[in-house]
C-alpha cells in the first residue's frame, strides 16, 4: 500500500484529503505545517507528498525545496493542493521541485486519478 504524507494547516481540509485517500486504499499520515512534515519525512519514507502552499512555520514551496534536498526525496512525487492558481506561484512551485499542482476545492476523483498517475 502506498504511503502518502498530507500537509495542510486546515484540519478540515486534511480530514477531507485523508477521507478521500484512505477510501482509495492509501496509507495517509497528516502534518499541520511544513516543519512538521519535514520532520516526518526525515523519520520515514513516503511514496508521495501532498502539500498546501500557504501554511505557518514553513510554506509548501519551502517544504518542497527542502524535501528535494534530501536524497530519499529527490524523485518522490510532490503534489501541491492549494487555493493558489496564479501562474507565477505555479512556476515557483515547479522551480522548487513540485511534480503537479491541483487547485482547491479539489475533486476527489481527480485527486485520486492524479495520484495513481504519478505513483501507480
N, C-alpha and C. Protein backbone atom coordinates (compact mmCIF):
# COMPACT_ATOMS: atom_id res chain seq x y z
N UNK A 1 0.84 -1.18 0.00
CA UNK A 1 0.00 0.00 0.00
C UNK A 1 0.88 1.24 0.00
N UNK A 2 0.61 2.16 -0.90
CA UNK A 2 1.39 3.39 -0.99
C UNK A 2 1.13 4.28 0.21
N UNK A 3 2.19 4.93 0.64
CA UNK A 3 2.15 5.79 1.82
C UNK A 3 2.25 7.25 1.39
N UNK A 4 1.28 8.06 1.86
CA UNK A 4 1.19 9.47 1.46
C UNK A 4 1.27 10.37 2.69
N UNK A 5 2.05 11.44 2.57
CA UNK A 5 2.13 12.47 3.60
C UNK A 5 1.25 13.63 3.14
N UNK A 6 0.18 13.93 3.89
CA UNK A 6 -0.75 15.01 3.56
C UNK A 6 -0.49 16.19 4.48
N UNK A 7 -0.12 17.34 3.89
CA UNK A 7 0.29 18.51 4.67
C UNK A 7 -0.65 19.68 4.40
N UNK A 8 -1.34 20.14 5.44
CA UNK A 8 -2.23 21.30 5.31
C UNK A 8 -2.48 21.85 6.70
N UNK A 9 -2.48 23.18 6.84
CA UNK A 9 -2.73 23.77 8.15
C UNK A 9 -4.21 23.77 8.51
N UNK A 10 -5.08 23.50 7.55
CA UNK A 10 -6.52 23.43 7.82
C UNK A 10 -6.90 22.00 8.20
N UNK A 11 -7.37 21.83 9.44
CA UNK A 11 -7.76 20.50 9.92
C UNK A 11 -8.89 19.93 9.07
N UNK A 12 -9.85 20.76 8.66
CA UNK A 12 -10.98 20.26 7.87
C UNK A 12 -10.51 19.82 6.48
N UNK A 13 -9.56 20.54 5.90
CA UNK A 13 -9.03 20.13 4.58
C UNK A 13 -8.26 18.82 4.71
N UNK A 14 -7.43 18.70 5.76
CA UNK A 14 -6.71 17.44 5.98
C UNK A 14 -7.70 16.29 6.14
N UNK A 15 -8.79 16.53 6.86
CA UNK A 15 -9.79 15.50 7.09
C UNK A 15 -10.41 15.04 5.76
N UNK A 16 -10.72 15.99 4.87
CA UNK A 16 -11.29 15.63 3.56
C UNK A 16 -10.28 14.85 2.71
N UNK A 17 -9.03 15.29 2.73
CA UNK A 17 -7.98 14.61 1.96
C UNK A 17 -7.77 13.20 2.50
N UNK A 18 -7.66 13.07 3.81
CA UNK A 18 -7.43 11.76 4.43
C UNK A 18 -8.60 10.82 4.12
N UNK A 19 -9.81 11.31 4.25
CA UNK A 19 -11.00 10.51 3.97
C UNK A 19 -10.97 10.00 2.53
N UNK A 20 -10.67 10.89 1.60
CA UNK A 20 -10.62 10.55 0.17
C UNK A 20 -9.53 9.52 -0.11
N UNK A 21 -8.33 9.76 0.42
CA UNK A 21 -7.19 8.88 0.11
C UNK A 21 -7.29 7.53 0.81
N UNK A 22 -7.72 7.52 2.06
CA UNK A 22 -7.88 6.23 2.75
C UNK A 22 -8.97 5.40 2.08
N UNK A 23 -10.01 6.07 1.62
CA UNK A 23 -11.09 5.38 0.90
C UNK A 23 -10.60 4.73 -0.38
N UNK A 24 -9.52 5.28 -0.94
CA UNK A 24 -8.92 4.72 -2.16
C UNK A 24 -7.83 3.70 -1.84
N UNK A 25 -7.64 3.42 -0.56
CA UNK A 25 -6.69 2.38 -0.16
C UNK A 25 -5.28 2.84 0.17
N UNK A 26 -5.07 4.14 0.32
CA UNK A 26 -3.74 4.65 0.65
C UNK A 26 -3.54 4.76 2.16
N UNK A 27 -2.29 4.59 2.58
CA UNK A 27 -1.90 4.82 3.96
C UNK A 27 -1.53 6.30 4.05
N UNK A 28 -2.23 7.06 4.90
CA UNK A 28 -2.04 8.51 4.96
C UNK A 28 -1.57 8.96 6.34
N UNK A 29 -0.52 9.79 6.34
CA UNK A 29 -0.02 10.43 7.55
C UNK A 29 -0.25 11.92 7.38
N UNK A 30 -0.71 12.58 8.46
CA UNK A 30 -1.02 14.01 8.39
C UNK A 30 0.06 14.87 9.05
N UNK A 31 0.22 16.08 8.51
CA UNK A 31 1.08 17.09 9.12
C UNK A 31 0.37 18.44 8.99
N UNK A 32 0.49 19.28 10.04
CA UNK A 32 -0.23 20.56 10.08
C UNK A 32 0.55 21.72 9.47
N UNK A 33 1.84 21.52 9.20
CA UNK A 33 2.65 22.57 8.57
C UNK A 33 3.90 21.94 7.97
N UNK A 34 4.64 22.76 7.24
CA UNK A 34 5.83 22.26 6.55
C UNK A 34 6.91 21.75 7.49
N UNK A 35 7.05 22.41 8.63
CA UNK A 35 8.07 21.99 9.59
C UNK A 35 7.78 20.58 10.12
N UNK A 36 6.54 20.34 10.51
CA UNK A 36 6.14 19.02 11.00
C UNK A 36 6.30 17.98 9.88
N UNK A 37 5.93 18.35 8.67
CA UNK A 37 6.04 17.44 7.53
C UNK A 37 7.49 17.05 7.25
N UNK A 38 8.39 18.04 7.31
CA UNK A 38 9.80 17.76 7.05
C UNK A 38 10.35 16.80 8.10
N UNK A 39 9.99 16.99 9.35
CA UNK A 39 10.44 16.08 10.42
C UNK A 39 9.91 14.67 10.19
N UNK A 40 8.64 14.55 9.79
CA UNK A 40 8.07 13.23 9.49
C UNK A 40 8.79 12.58 8.31
N UNK A 41 9.06 13.37 7.28
CA UNK A 41 9.72 12.85 6.07
C UNK A 41 11.14 12.38 6.37
N UNK A 42 11.79 13.02 7.32
CA UNK A 42 13.15 12.60 7.70
C UNK A 42 13.13 11.31 8.50
N UNK A 43 12.01 11.02 9.15
CA UNK A 43 11.94 9.84 10.00
C UNK A 43 11.40 8.61 9.29
N UNK A 44 10.72 8.80 8.17
CA UNK A 44 10.23 7.66 7.38
C UNK A 44 10.03 8.06 5.94
N UNK A 45 9.98 7.08 5.07
CA UNK A 45 9.87 7.33 3.62
C UNK A 45 8.42 7.25 3.19
N UNK A 46 7.97 8.27 2.46
CA UNK A 46 6.64 8.29 1.88
C UNK A 46 6.76 8.12 0.37
N UNK A 47 5.71 7.56 -0.24
CA UNK A 47 5.70 7.37 -1.69
C UNK A 47 5.27 8.64 -2.43
N UNK A 48 4.60 9.56 -1.69
CA UNK A 48 4.11 10.79 -2.29
C UNK A 48 3.86 11.80 -1.18
N UNK A 49 4.10 13.08 -1.48
CA UNK A 49 3.80 14.17 -0.54
C UNK A 49 2.77 15.07 -1.22
N UNK A 50 1.71 15.35 -0.49
CA UNK A 50 0.63 16.23 -0.96
C UNK A 50 0.63 17.43 -0.02
N UNK A 51 0.96 18.61 -0.53
CA UNK A 51 1.11 19.76 0.36
C UNK A 51 0.36 21.01 -0.08
N UNK A 52 -0.13 21.72 0.92
CA UNK A 52 -0.70 23.05 0.72
C UNK A 52 0.48 24.00 0.49
N UNK A 53 0.21 25.21 0.01
CA UNK A 53 1.26 26.21 -0.16
C UNK A 53 1.30 27.17 1.02
N UNK A 54 0.18 27.80 1.33
CA UNK A 54 0.13 28.81 2.39
C UNK A 54 -0.09 28.19 3.76
N UNK A 55 1.00 28.07 4.52
CA UNK A 55 0.95 27.50 5.87
C UNK A 55 1.90 28.26 6.78
N UNK A 56 1.63 28.23 8.10
CA UNK A 56 2.55 28.86 9.05
C UNK A 56 3.83 28.04 9.21
N UNK A 57 4.82 28.62 9.82
CA UNK A 57 6.13 27.99 10.11
C UNK A 57 6.97 27.74 8.87
N UNK A 58 6.44 26.95 7.92
CA UNK A 58 7.15 26.69 6.66
C UNK A 58 6.10 26.45 5.58
N UNK A 59 6.13 27.24 4.52
CA UNK A 59 5.13 27.05 3.46
C UNK A 59 5.48 25.86 2.57
N UNK A 60 4.55 25.52 1.69
CA UNK A 60 4.71 24.35 0.84
C UNK A 60 5.84 24.45 -0.17
N UNK A 61 6.15 25.66 -0.61
CA UNK A 61 7.25 25.83 -1.57
C UNK A 61 8.58 25.54 -0.88
N UNK A 62 8.77 26.08 0.33
CA UNK A 62 9.99 25.83 1.08
C UNK A 62 10.08 24.35 1.47
N UNK A 63 8.95 23.76 1.84
CA UNK A 63 8.93 22.32 2.16
C UNK A 63 9.38 21.52 0.94
N UNK A 64 8.88 21.87 -0.22
CA UNK A 64 9.27 21.17 -1.45
C UNK A 64 10.76 21.29 -1.70
N UNK A 65 11.30 22.50 -1.56
CA UNK A 65 12.75 22.70 -1.74
C UNK A 65 13.55 21.82 -0.78
N UNK A 66 13.14 21.82 0.48
CA UNK A 66 13.88 21.06 1.50
C UNK A 66 13.76 19.56 1.29
N UNK A 67 12.58 19.10 0.88
CA UNK A 67 12.43 17.67 0.60
C UNK A 67 13.31 17.27 -0.58
N UNK A 68 13.34 18.08 -1.62
CA UNK A 68 14.17 17.76 -2.80
C UNK A 68 15.66 17.72 -2.45
N UNK A 69 16.06 18.40 -1.39
CA UNK A 69 17.46 18.39 -0.96
C UNK A 69 17.83 17.10 -0.24
N UNK A 70 16.82 16.33 0.18
CA UNK A 70 17.08 15.06 0.86
C UNK A 70 17.21 13.95 -0.18
N UNK A 71 18.28 13.15 -0.12
CA UNK A 71 18.46 12.08 -1.11
C UNK A 71 17.24 11.15 -1.25
N UNK A 72 16.57 10.85 -0.16
CA UNK A 72 15.42 9.94 -0.19
C UNK A 72 14.22 10.54 -0.91
N UNK A 73 14.19 11.86 -1.08
CA UNK A 73 13.03 12.52 -1.70
C UNK A 73 13.34 13.21 -3.03
N UNK A 74 14.50 12.89 -3.56
CA UNK A 74 14.91 13.51 -4.83
C UNK A 74 13.91 13.21 -5.95
N UNK A 75 13.34 11.98 -5.95
CA UNK A 75 12.43 11.59 -7.03
C UNK A 75 11.02 11.26 -6.56
N UNK A 76 10.71 11.49 -5.29
CA UNK A 76 9.37 11.23 -4.77
C UNK A 76 8.41 12.31 -5.29
N UNK A 77 7.26 11.92 -5.84
CA UNK A 77 6.32 12.93 -6.33
C UNK A 77 5.83 13.85 -5.21
N UNK A 78 5.81 15.14 -5.49
CA UNK A 78 5.29 16.14 -4.56
C UNK A 78 4.22 16.91 -5.31
N UNK A 79 2.98 16.79 -4.84
CA UNK A 79 1.85 17.47 -5.48
C UNK A 79 1.35 18.57 -4.55
N UNK A 80 1.17 19.75 -5.08
CA UNK A 80 0.60 20.84 -4.29
C UNK A 80 -0.92 20.81 -4.45
N UNK A 81 -1.60 21.02 -3.34
CA UNK A 81 -3.06 21.10 -3.30
C UNK A 81 -3.36 22.42 -2.60
N UNK A 82 -3.72 23.44 -3.36
CA UNK A 82 -3.75 24.79 -2.83
C UNK A 82 -4.83 25.66 -3.48
N UNK A 83 -5.13 26.77 -2.83
CA UNK A 83 -6.05 27.76 -3.43
C UNK A 83 -5.31 28.65 -4.41
N UNK A 84 -3.98 28.60 -4.39
CA UNK A 84 -3.16 29.43 -5.28
C UNK A 84 -3.30 28.93 -6.72
N UNK A 85 -3.68 29.84 -7.62
CA UNK A 85 -3.80 29.44 -9.02
C UNK A 85 -3.01 30.35 -9.96
N UNK A 86 -2.31 31.33 -9.39
CA UNK A 86 -1.54 32.27 -10.21
C UNK A 86 -0.36 31.56 -10.89
N UNK A 87 -0.11 31.91 -12.13
CA UNK A 87 0.96 31.30 -12.91
C UNK A 87 2.32 31.46 -12.25
N UNK A 88 2.60 32.64 -11.66
CA UNK A 88 3.91 32.84 -11.03
C UNK A 88 4.10 31.92 -9.83
N UNK A 89 3.04 31.65 -9.08
CA UNK A 89 3.13 30.71 -7.95
C UNK A 89 3.39 29.31 -8.46
N UNK A 90 2.70 28.92 -9.52
CA UNK A 90 2.90 27.59 -10.11
C UNK A 90 4.33 27.43 -10.59
N UNK A 91 4.87 28.47 -11.22
CA UNK A 91 6.26 28.44 -11.70
C UNK A 91 7.23 28.33 -10.53
N UNK A 92 6.94 29.05 -9.45
CA UNK A 92 7.77 28.98 -8.25
C UNK A 92 7.74 27.56 -7.68
N UNK A 93 6.56 26.95 -7.66
CA UNK A 93 6.42 25.58 -7.18
C UNK A 93 7.17 24.60 -8.06
N UNK A 94 7.07 24.78 -9.36
CA UNK A 94 7.77 23.89 -10.30
C UNK A 94 9.28 24.03 -10.13
N UNK A 95 9.74 25.27 -9.98
CA UNK A 95 11.18 25.52 -9.79
C UNK A 95 11.68 24.88 -8.49
N UNK A 96 10.82 24.83 -7.48
CA UNK A 96 11.20 24.21 -6.20
C UNK A 96 11.22 22.69 -6.30
N UNK A 97 10.54 22.14 -7.31
CA UNK A 97 10.55 20.69 -7.50
C UNK A 97 9.20 20.02 -7.42
N UNK A 98 8.10 20.80 -7.43
CA UNK A 98 6.77 20.20 -7.37
C UNK A 98 6.49 19.41 -8.65
N UNK A 99 5.88 18.25 -8.48
CA UNK A 99 5.55 17.37 -9.60
C UNK A 99 4.26 17.81 -10.29
N UNK A 100 3.29 18.26 -9.47
CA UNK A 100 1.99 18.65 -10.01
C UNK A 100 1.33 19.69 -9.13
N UNK A 101 0.21 20.24 -9.62
CA UNK A 101 -0.48 21.34 -8.96
C UNK A 101 -1.98 21.13 -9.10
N UNK A 102 -2.68 21.03 -7.98
CA UNK A 102 -4.14 20.89 -8.00
C UNK A 102 -4.71 22.07 -7.21
N UNK A 103 -5.70 22.75 -7.80
CA UNK A 103 -6.30 23.91 -7.14
C UNK A 103 -7.53 23.47 -6.33
N UNK A 104 -7.61 23.98 -5.08
CA UNK A 104 -8.77 23.74 -4.23
C UNK A 104 -9.91 24.65 -4.67
N UNK A 105 -11.15 24.25 -4.48
CA UNK A 105 -11.57 22.97 -3.92
C UNK A 105 -11.28 21.85 -4.91
N UNK A 106 -10.87 20.72 -4.38
CA UNK A 106 -10.47 19.62 -5.25
C UNK A 106 -11.62 18.65 -5.51
N UNK A 107 -11.55 17.99 -6.66
CA UNK A 107 -12.48 16.93 -7.00
C UNK A 107 -11.82 15.63 -6.53
N UNK A 108 -12.46 14.89 -5.61
CA UNK A 108 -11.84 13.66 -5.09
C UNK A 108 -11.38 12.68 -6.17
N UNK A 109 -12.19 12.52 -7.22
CA UNK A 109 -11.81 11.60 -8.30
C UNK A 109 -10.59 12.09 -9.06
N UNK A 110 -10.49 13.41 -9.26
CA UNK A 110 -9.33 13.99 -9.93
C UNK A 110 -8.08 13.80 -9.08
N UNK A 111 -8.21 14.00 -7.77
CA UNK A 111 -7.08 13.83 -6.86
C UNK A 111 -6.56 12.39 -6.92
N UNK A 112 -7.45 11.44 -6.83
CA UNK A 112 -7.05 10.02 -6.86
C UNK A 112 -6.45 9.67 -8.23
N UNK A 113 -7.05 10.17 -9.30
CA UNK A 113 -6.52 9.89 -10.65
C UNK A 113 -5.11 10.46 -10.81
N UNK A 114 -4.89 11.66 -10.28
CA UNK A 114 -3.57 12.28 -10.36
C UNK A 114 -2.55 11.47 -9.58
N UNK A 115 -2.92 11.04 -8.39
CA UNK A 115 -2.01 10.24 -7.56
C UNK A 115 -1.69 8.91 -8.24
N UNK A 116 -2.70 8.28 -8.77
CA UNK A 116 -2.49 6.99 -9.48
C UNK A 116 -1.56 7.18 -10.67
N UNK A 117 -1.68 8.32 -11.33
CA UNK A 117 -0.84 8.60 -12.50
C UNK A 117 0.63 8.71 -12.10
N UNK A 118 0.91 9.33 -10.94
CA UNK A 118 2.31 9.56 -10.56
C UNK A 118 2.93 8.45 -9.72
N UNK A 119 2.10 7.66 -8.99
CA UNK A 119 2.72 6.57 -8.21
C UNK A 119 2.16 5.20 -8.54
N UNK A 120 1.20 5.13 -9.42
CA UNK A 120 0.65 3.84 -9.82
C UNK A 120 -0.40 3.29 -8.90
